[in-house]
Amino acid sequence: MGVALGLLFAAVPLVAWALLARTRVVGSAVGGVLLAGAGWLVAVQQGWIPAHRADAHAGYAVGAALLVALGGRVERRVSKDGPGRPGRGRGWALGLLCTQLVVTFWGSVLYVLVTTEASVPPARAVPALPPGLTVVTQQSGCGSGNCYRLLEIGSTTGLSHDEIVRALDRPHETCRPNGWLLDRRELCVGVDDSDGRVRLYVSLSNLLD
C-alpha cells in the first residue's frame, strides 16, 4: 500500500501536465523534467538515493506545481490556439495539483509536530569509516534531551588508540540540521575517547532544546 501511494504521489504532476500540455516542444520538455523528478522521488522512496523523505516529498510537490504553472504560461504564449485549453482537462489538472499541495501542506505540518521530540538517528547518518577501521560494538538509546548511536571503533590493521582517533579525523563535534526543509532538529557527529576506548557518536536532539 505504501509503495502504491508513493507512486501515485509521484505521478500526480505528470497526469496534470498530460491534461494541460498543448504543444509538442514545451509539452515534451516540461514532461521530461517532471518524469525525471518523479523518478528521483521514487528512488528516494525506495531508499536507492539517500535523502530525507519528508523533505523530498514536500520539495517535489511544490517544485512540480511551479513547473506545471510555468509550462502552462509558456505554452499560452507560443500556442496559436488561444489562451489555454478549456473544459474538463484544465479543471481536472488544477484540481489534482491543488489536492496534492493541500495534502502536502497538512502532511508537512503533522510531520513537524511529530518530529519535535528526539529519536534515534537513522543509520545513514553514521559517517563511513576510513579503510582499516571497523565497528567493534554499537548501541543506541535516548536521554538528556537527545537520542544517539554510539559505535566503538577498532582497527583491522593494528592501529593504536591515537592512530584510530587521527584516522577518524574529527577533532571537533560537527552539527547540522537533520533535514534541509522540514526537520530542523540538530544532528551532531563526534568522537569520544575519554575512557580509553574510541567511540564515534551520532546524536539527534529535540527541536525545542
C-alpha atoms as a PDB file:
ATOM      1  CA  MET A   1       0.000   0.000   0.000  1.00  0.00           C
ATOM      2  CA  GLY A   2       2.791   2.416   0.917  1.00  0.00           C
ATOM      3  CA  VAL A   3       4.600   1.798  -2.370  1.00  0.00           C
ATOM      4  CA  ALA A   4       1.403   2.343  -4.359  1.00  0.00           C
ATOM      5  CA  LEU A   5       0.658   5.619  -2.571  1.00  0.00           C
ATOM      6  CA  GLY A   6       4.211   6.790  -3.158  1.00  0.00           C
ATOM      7  CA  LEU A   7       3.968   6.052  -6.881  1.00  0.00           C
ATOM      8  CA  LEU A   8       0.590   7.807  -7.033  1.00  0.00           C
ATOM      9  CA  PHE A   9       2.040  10.887  -5.324  1.00  0.00           C
ATOM     10  CA  ALA A  10       4.913  10.982  -7.822  1.00  0.00           C
ATOM     11  CA  ALA A  11       2.555  10.537 -10.793  1.00  0.00           C
ATOM     12  CA  VAL A  12       0.102  13.361  -9.970  1.00  0.00           C
ATOM     13  CA  PRO A  13       2.083  16.207 -11.623  1.00  0.00           C
ATOM     14  CA  LEU A  14       2.688  14.029 -14.703  1.00  0.00           C
ATOM     15  CA  VAL A  15      -1.027  13.355 -15.073  1.00  0.00           C
ATOM     16  CA  ALA A  16      -1.843  17.025 -14.527  1.00  0.00           C
ATOM     17  CA  TRP A  17       0.637  18.088 -17.186  1.00  0.00           C
ATOM     18  CA  ALA A  18      -0.695  15.473 -19.628  1.00  0.00           C
ATOM     19  CA  LEU A  19      -4.111  17.105 -19.256  1.00  0.00           C
ATOM     20  CA  LEU A  20      -2.708  20.607 -19.755  1.00  0.00           C
ATOM     21  CA  ALA A  21       0.011  20.218 -22.392  1.00  0.00           C
ATOM     22  CA  ARG A  22      -0.850  21.608 -25.816  1.00  0.00           C
ATOM     23  CA  THR A  23       2.399  21.955 -27.767  1.00  0.00           C
ATOM     24  CA  ARG A  24       4.921  19.269 -28.670  1.00  0.00           C
ATOM     25  CA  VAL A  25       8.102  21.179 -27.794  1.00  0.00           C
ATOM     26  CA  VAL A  26       7.065  22.695 -24.463  1.00  0.00           C
ATOM     27  CA  GLY A  27       4.961  19.685 -23.567  1.00  0.00           C
ATOM     28  CA  SER A  28       7.855  17.293 -24.112  1.00  0.00           C
ATOM     29  CA  ALA A  29      10.377  19.493 -22.292  1.00  0.00           C
ATOM     30  CA  VAL A  30       8.254  20.003 -19.214  1.00  0.00           C
ATOM     31  CA  GLY A  31       7.110  16.388 -19.278  1.00  0.00           C
ATOM     32  CA  GLY A  32      10.706  15.196 -19.404  1.00  0.00           C
ATOM     33  CA  VAL A  33      11.691  17.282 -16.384  1.00  0.00           C
ATOM     34  CA  LEU A  34       8.630  16.094 -14.463  1.00  0.00           C
ATOM     35  CA  LEU A  35       9.411  12.480 -15.342  1.00  0.00           C
ATOM     36  CA  ALA A  36      12.988  12.892 -14.103  1.00  0.00           C
ATOM     37  CA  GLY A  37      11.701  14.466 -10.885  1.00  0.00           C
ATOM     38  CA  ALA A  38       9.203  11.649 -10.381  1.00  0.00           C
ATOM     39  CA  GLY A  39      11.960   9.078 -10.938  1.00  0.00           C
ATOM     40  CA  TRP A  40      14.136  10.831  -8.356  1.00  0.00           C
ATOM     41  CA  LEU A  41      11.289  10.845  -5.817  1.00  0.00           C
ATOM     42  CA  VAL A  42      10.592   7.142  -6.343  1.00  0.00           C
ATOM     43  CA  ALA A  43      14.302   6.439  -5.858  1.00  0.00           C
ATOM     44  CA  VAL A  44      14.190   8.344  -2.567  1.00  0.00           C
ATOM     45  CA  GLN A  45      11.049   6.474  -1.516  1.00  0.00           C
ATOM     46  CA  GLN A  46      12.739   3.134  -2.173  1.00  0.00           C
ATOM     47  CA  GLY A  47      15.938   4.142  -0.401  1.00  0.00           C
ATOM     48  CA  TRP A  48      18.041   3.994  -3.575  1.00  0.00           C
ATOM     49  CA  ILE A  49      19.049   7.655  -3.080  1.00  0.00           C
ATOM     50  CA  PRO A  50      19.996   8.767   0.462  1.00  0.00           C
ATOM     51  CA  ALA A  51      17.762  11.778   1.074  1.00  0.00           C
ATOM     52  CA  HIS A  52      15.268  12.924   3.696  1.00  0.00           C
ATOM     53  CA  ARG A  53      11.920  11.532   2.510  1.00  0.00           C
ATOM     54  CA  ALA A  54       9.615  14.129   4.069  1.00  0.00           C
ATOM     55  CA  ASP A  55      11.688  16.970   2.631  1.00  0.00           C
ATOM     56  CA  ALA A  56      11.814  15.224  -0.759  1.00  0.00           C
ATOM     57  CA  HIS A  57       8.018  14.890  -0.957  1.00  0.00           C
ATOM     58  CA  ALA A  58       7.395  18.496   0.083  1.00  0.00           C
ATOM     59  CA  GLY A  59      10.008  19.848  -2.300  1.00  0.00           C
ATOM     60  CA  TYR A  60       8.766  17.688  -5.167  1.00  0.00           C
ATOM     61  CA  ALA A  61       5.117  18.705  -4.760  1.00  0.00           C
ATOM     62  CA  VAL A  62       5.887  22.444  -4.669  1.00  0.00           C
ATOM     63  CA  GLY A  63       8.537  22.306  -7.385  1.00  0.00           C
ATOM     64  CA  ALA A  64       6.397  20.229  -9.731  1.00  0.00           C
ATOM     65  CA  ALA A  65       3.382  22.518  -9.277  1.00  0.00           C
ATOM     66  CA  LEU A  66       5.523  25.570 -10.060  1.00  0.00           C
ATOM     67  CA  LEU A  67       6.962  23.849 -13.123  1.00  0.00           C
ATOM     68  CA  VAL A  68       3.499  22.946 -14.419  1.00  0.00           C
ATOM     69  CA  ALA A  69       2.344  26.533 -13.868  1.00  0.00           C
ATOM     70  CA  LEU A  70       5.399  27.885 -15.683  1.00  0.00           C
ATOM     71  CA  GLY A  71       4.975  25.395 -18.518  1.00  0.00           C
ATOM     72  CA  GLY A  72       1.335  26.380 -18.918  1.00  0.00           C
ATOM     73  CA  ARG A  73       2.277  30.033 -19.080  1.00  0.00           C
ATOM     74  CA  VAL A  74       4.924  29.407 -21.739  1.00  0.00           C
ATOM     75  CA  GLU A  75       2.507  27.304 -23.772  1.00  0.00           C
ATOM     76  CA  ARG A  76      -0.104  30.056 -23.747  1.00  0.00           C
ATOM     77  CA  ARG A  77       2.463  32.387 -25.285  1.00  0.00           C
ATOM     78  CA  VAL A  78       3.635  30.053 -28.033  1.00  0.00           C
ATOM     79  CA  SER A  79       0.359  28.297 -28.834  1.00  0.00           C
ATOM     80  CA  LYS A  80      -1.646  29.544 -31.799  1.00  0.00           C
ATOM     81  CA  ASP A  81      -4.894  28.145 -30.440  1.00  0.00           C
ATOM     82  CA  GLY A  82      -5.669  30.810 -27.876  1.00  0.00           C
ATOM     83  CA  PRO A  83      -5.124  31.293 -24.157  1.00  0.00           C
ATOM     84  CA  GLY A  84      -5.434  27.859 -22.614  1.00  0.00           C
ATOM     85  CA  ARG A  85      -7.327  24.635 -23.005  1.00  0.00           C
ATOM     86  CA  PRO A  86     -10.927  24.981 -21.954  1.00  0.00           C
ATOM     87  CA  GLY A  87     -13.061  22.270 -20.471  1.00  0.00           C
ATOM     88  CA  ARG A  88     -12.617  19.465 -18.017  1.00  0.00           C
ATOM     89  CA  GLY A  89      -8.946  18.751 -18.735  1.00  0.00           C
ATOM     90  CA  ARG A  90      -7.766  22.027 -17.288  1.00  0.00           C
ATOM     91  CA  GLY A  91     -10.114  21.775 -14.319  1.00  0.00           C
ATOM     92  CA  TRP A  92      -9.014  18.217 -13.517  1.00  0.00           C
ATOM     93  CA  ALA A  93      -5.357  19.219 -13.756  1.00  0.00           C
ATOM     94  CA  LEU A  94      -5.749  22.153 -11.399  1.00  0.00           C
ATOM     95  CA  GLY A  95      -7.802  20.019  -9.043  1.00  0.00           C
ATOM     96  CA  LEU A  96      -5.136  17.310  -8.910  1.00  0.00           C
ATOM     97  CA  LEU A  97      -2.332  19.785  -8.234  1.00  0.00           C
ATOM     98  CA  CYS A  98      -4.282  21.725  -5.610  1.00  0.00           C
ATOM     99  CA  THR A  99      -5.261  18.495  -3.838  1.00  0.00           C
ATOM    100  CA  GLN A 100      -1.645  17.344  -3.789  1.00  0.00           C
ATOM    101  CA  LEU A 101      -0.459  20.688  -2.409  1.00  0.00           C
ATOM    102  CA  VAL A 102      -3.105  20.671   0.329  1.00  0.00           C
ATOM    103  CA  VAL A 103      -2.230  17.094   1.317  1.00  0.00           C
ATOM    104  CA  THR A 104       1.468  18.004   1.283  1.00  0.00           C
ATOM    105  CA  PHE A 105       0.913  21.089   3.435  1.00  0.00           C
ATOM    106  CA  TRP A 106      -1.043  19.319   6.150  1.00  0.00           C
ATOM    107  CA  GLY A 107       1.237  16.305   5.983  1.00  0.00           C
ATOM    108  CA  SER A 108       4.217  18.615   6.487  1.00  0.00           C
ATOM    109  CA  VAL A 109       2.547  20.317   9.448  1.00  0.00           C
ATOM    110  CA  LEU A 110       1.814  16.940  11.031  1.00  0.00           C
ATOM    111  CA  TYR A 111       5.366  15.767  10.362  1.00  0.00           C
ATOM    112  CA  VAL A 112       6.867  18.845  12.039  1.00  0.00           C
ATOM    113  CA  LEU A 113       4.629  18.377  15.082  1.00  0.00           C
ATOM    114  CA  VAL A 114       5.518  14.687  15.361  1.00  0.00           C
ATOM    115  CA  THR A 115       9.264  15.218  14.969  1.00  0.00           C
ATOM    116  CA  THR A 116       9.732  17.853  17.687  1.00  0.00           C
ATOM    117  CA  GLU A 117      10.923  15.073  20.012  1.00  0.00           C
ATOM    118  CA  ALA A 118      14.302  13.402  19.707  1.00  0.00           C
ATOM    119  CA  SER A 119      14.592   9.997  18.064  1.00  0.00           C
ATOM    120  CA  VAL A 120      17.436   7.589  17.364  1.00  0.00           C
ATOM    121  CA  PRO A 121      19.431   8.937  14.387  1.00  0.00           C
ATOM    122  CA  PRO A 122      18.974   6.945  11.169  1.00  0.00           C
ATOM    123  CA  ALA A 123      21.724   4.525  10.194  1.00  0.00           C
ATOM    124  CA  ARG A 124      22.505   6.626   7.118  1.00  0.00           C
ATOM    125  CA  ALA A 125      23.592   9.459   9.437  1.00  0.00           C
ATOM    126  CA  VAL A 126      26.591   7.408  10.600  1.00  0.00           C
ATOM    127  CA  PRO A 127      29.609   8.501   8.538  1.00  0.00           C
ATOM    128  CA  ALA A 128      31.554   5.921   6.561  1.00  0.00           C
ATOM    129  CA  LEU A 129      34.705   4.703   8.288  1.00  0.00           C
ATOM    130  CA  PRO A 130      38.145   5.144   6.726  1.00  0.00           C
ATOM    131  CA  PRO A 131      39.891   1.996   5.417  1.00  0.00           C
ATOM    132  CA  GLY A 132      41.396  -0.083   8.198  1.00  0.00           C
ATOM    133  CA  LEU A 133      38.781   0.828  10.818  1.00  0.00           C
ATOM    134  CA  THR A 134      35.841  -1.311  11.888  1.00  0.00           C
ATOM    135  CA  VAL A 135      32.896  -1.216  14.312  1.00  0.00           C
ATOM    136  CA  VAL A 136      33.585  -3.360  17.385  1.00  0.00           C
ATOM    137  CA  THR A 137      30.293  -2.775  19.200  1.00  0.00           C
ATOM    138  CA  GLN A 138      27.377  -0.408  18.789  1.00  0.00           C
ATOM    139  CA  GLN A 139      24.399   0.695  20.814  1.00  0.00           C
ATOM    140  CA  SER A 140      21.618   3.261  20.705  1.00  0.00           C
ATOM    141  CA  GLY A 141      19.363   4.967  23.214  1.00  0.00           C
ATOM    142  CA  CYS A 142      17.855   8.221  24.446  1.00  0.00           C
ATOM    143  CA  GLY A 143      18.423  10.539  27.376  1.00  0.00           C
ATOM    144  CA  SER A 144      19.052  14.159  28.412  1.00  0.00           C
ATOM    145  CA  GLY A 145      17.065  15.684  25.555  1.00  0.00           C
ATOM    146  CA  ASN A 146      18.613  13.670  22.726  1.00  0.00           C
ATOM    147  CA  CYS A 147      18.945  10.211  21.233  1.00  0.00           C
ATOM    148  CA  TYR A 148      22.131   8.669  19.949  1.00  0.00           C
ATOM    149  CA  ARG A 149      24.005   5.940  18.130  1.00  0.00           C
ATOM    150  CA  LEU A 150      27.297   5.001  19.793  1.00  0.00           C
ATOM    151  CA  LEU A 151      29.863   2.912  17.934  1.00  0.00           C
ATOM    152  CA  GLU A 152      33.106   1.646  19.439  1.00  0.00           C
ATOM    153  CA  ILE A 153      35.766   1.769  16.731  1.00  0.00           C
ATOM    154  CA  GLY A 154      38.673  -0.658  16.360  1.00  0.00           C
ATOM    155  CA  SER A 155      41.363  -1.324  13.794  1.00  0.00           C
ATOM    156  CA  THR A 156      41.830  -4.210  11.388  1.00  0.00           C
ATOM    157  CA  THR A 157      45.450  -3.243  10.742  1.00  0.00           C
ATOM    158  CA  GLY A 158      46.780  -2.912  14.290  1.00  0.00           C
ATOM    159  CA  LEU A 159      46.465   0.859  14.677  1.00  0.00           C
ATOM    160  CA  SER A 160      46.981   2.297  18.150  1.00  0.00           C
ATOM    161  CA  HIS A 161      44.375   4.275  20.099  1.00  0.00           C
ATOM    162  CA  ASP A 162      45.789   7.631  18.987  1.00  0.00           C
ATOM    163  CA  GLU A 163      46.153   6.489  15.394  1.00  0.00           C
ATOM    164  CA  ILE A 164      42.476   5.459  15.289  1.00  0.00           C
ATOM    165  CA  VAL A 165      41.482   8.896  16.597  1.00  0.00           C
ATOM    166  CA  ARG A 166      43.622  10.599  13.949  1.00  0.00           C
ATOM    167  CA  ALA A 167      42.229   8.332  11.216  1.00  0.00           C
ATOM    168  CA  LEU A 168      38.670   9.342  12.112  1.00  0.00           C
ATOM    169  CA  ASP A 169      39.755  12.978  11.604  1.00  0.00           C
ATOM    170  CA  ARG A 170      37.077  14.505  13.815  1.00  0.00           C
ATOM    171  CA  PRO A 171      38.878  16.829  16.242  1.00  0.00           C
ATOM    172  CA  HIS A 172      35.635  18.685  16.979  1.00  0.00           C
ATOM    173  CA  GLU A 173      31.956  17.826  17.104  1.00  0.00           C
ATOM    174  CA  THR A 174      30.088  18.911  13.977  1.00  0.00           C
ATOM    175  CA  CYS A 175      26.351  19.664  13.885  1.00  0.00           C
ATOM    176  CA  ARG A 176      23.783  20.373  11.178  1.00  0.00           C
ATOM    177  CA  PRO A 177      20.001  20.240  10.733  1.00  0.00           C
ATOM    178  CA  ASN A 178      18.716  16.680  10.295  1.00  0.00           C
ATOM    179  CA  GLY A 179      16.781  17.692   7.167  1.00  0.00           C
ATOM    180  CA  TRP A 180      17.067  20.524   4.658  1.00  0.00           C
ATOM    181  CA  LEU A 181      13.466  21.735   4.871  1.00  0.00           C
ATOM    182  CA  LEU A 182      11.111  20.298   7.489  1.00  0.00           C
ATOM    183  CA  ASP A 183      13.234  18.505  10.092  1.00  0.00           C
ATOM    184  CA  ARG A 184      15.319  21.186  11.820  1.00  0.00           C
ATOM    185  CA  ARG A 185      16.466  19.040  14.754  1.00  0.00           C
ATOM    186  CA  GLU A 186      20.197  19.200  15.343  1.00  0.00           C
ATOM    187  CA  LEU A 187      22.205  16.167  14.203  1.00  0.00           C
ATOM    188  CA  CYS A 188      25.698  16.030  15.683  1.00  0.00           C
ATOM    189  CA  VAL A 189      28.665  13.736  14.991  1.00  0.00           C
ATOM    190  CA  GLY A 190      31.813  13.470  17.095  1.00  0.00           C
ATOM    191  CA  VAL A 191      34.443  11.213  18.657  1.00  0.00           C
ATOM    192  CA  ASP A 192      34.829  10.407  22.371  1.00  0.00           C
ATOM    193  CA  ASP A 193      37.991   8.704  23.656  1.00  0.00           C
ATOM    194  CA  SER A 194      37.837   9.810  27.266  1.00  0.00           C
ATOM    195  CA  ASP A 195      37.732   6.296  28.804  1.00  0.00           C
ATOM    196  CA  GLY A 196      40.465   4.693  26.723  1.00  0.00           C
ATOM    197  CA  ARG A 197      38.097   3.451  24.040  1.00  0.00           C
ATOM    198  CA  VAL A 198      37.459   5.252  20.762  1.00  0.00           C
ATOM    199  CA  ARG A 199      33.762   5.859  20.222  1.00  0.00           C
ATOM    200  CA  LEU A 200      32.072   7.524  17.295  1.00  0.00           C
ATOM    201  CA  TYR A 201      28.707   9.019  18.252  1.00  0.00           C
ATOM    202  CA  VAL A 202      25.780  10.453  16.320  1.00  0.00           C
ATOM    203  CA  SER A 203      23.144  12.336  18.328  1.00  0.00           C
ATOM    204  CA  LEU A 204      19.777  13.841  17.409  1.00  0.00           C
ATOM    205  CA  SER A 205      18.299  16.458  19.748  1.00  0.00           C
ATOM    206  CA  ASN A 206      14.802  17.738  20.500  1.00  0.00           C
ATOM    207  CA  LEU A 207      13.633  20.521  18.195  1.00  0.00           C
ATOM    208  CA  LEU A 208      12.875  22.861  21.106  1.00  0.00           C
ATOM    209  CA  ASP A 209      16.135  22.340  23.012  1.00  0.00           C
END
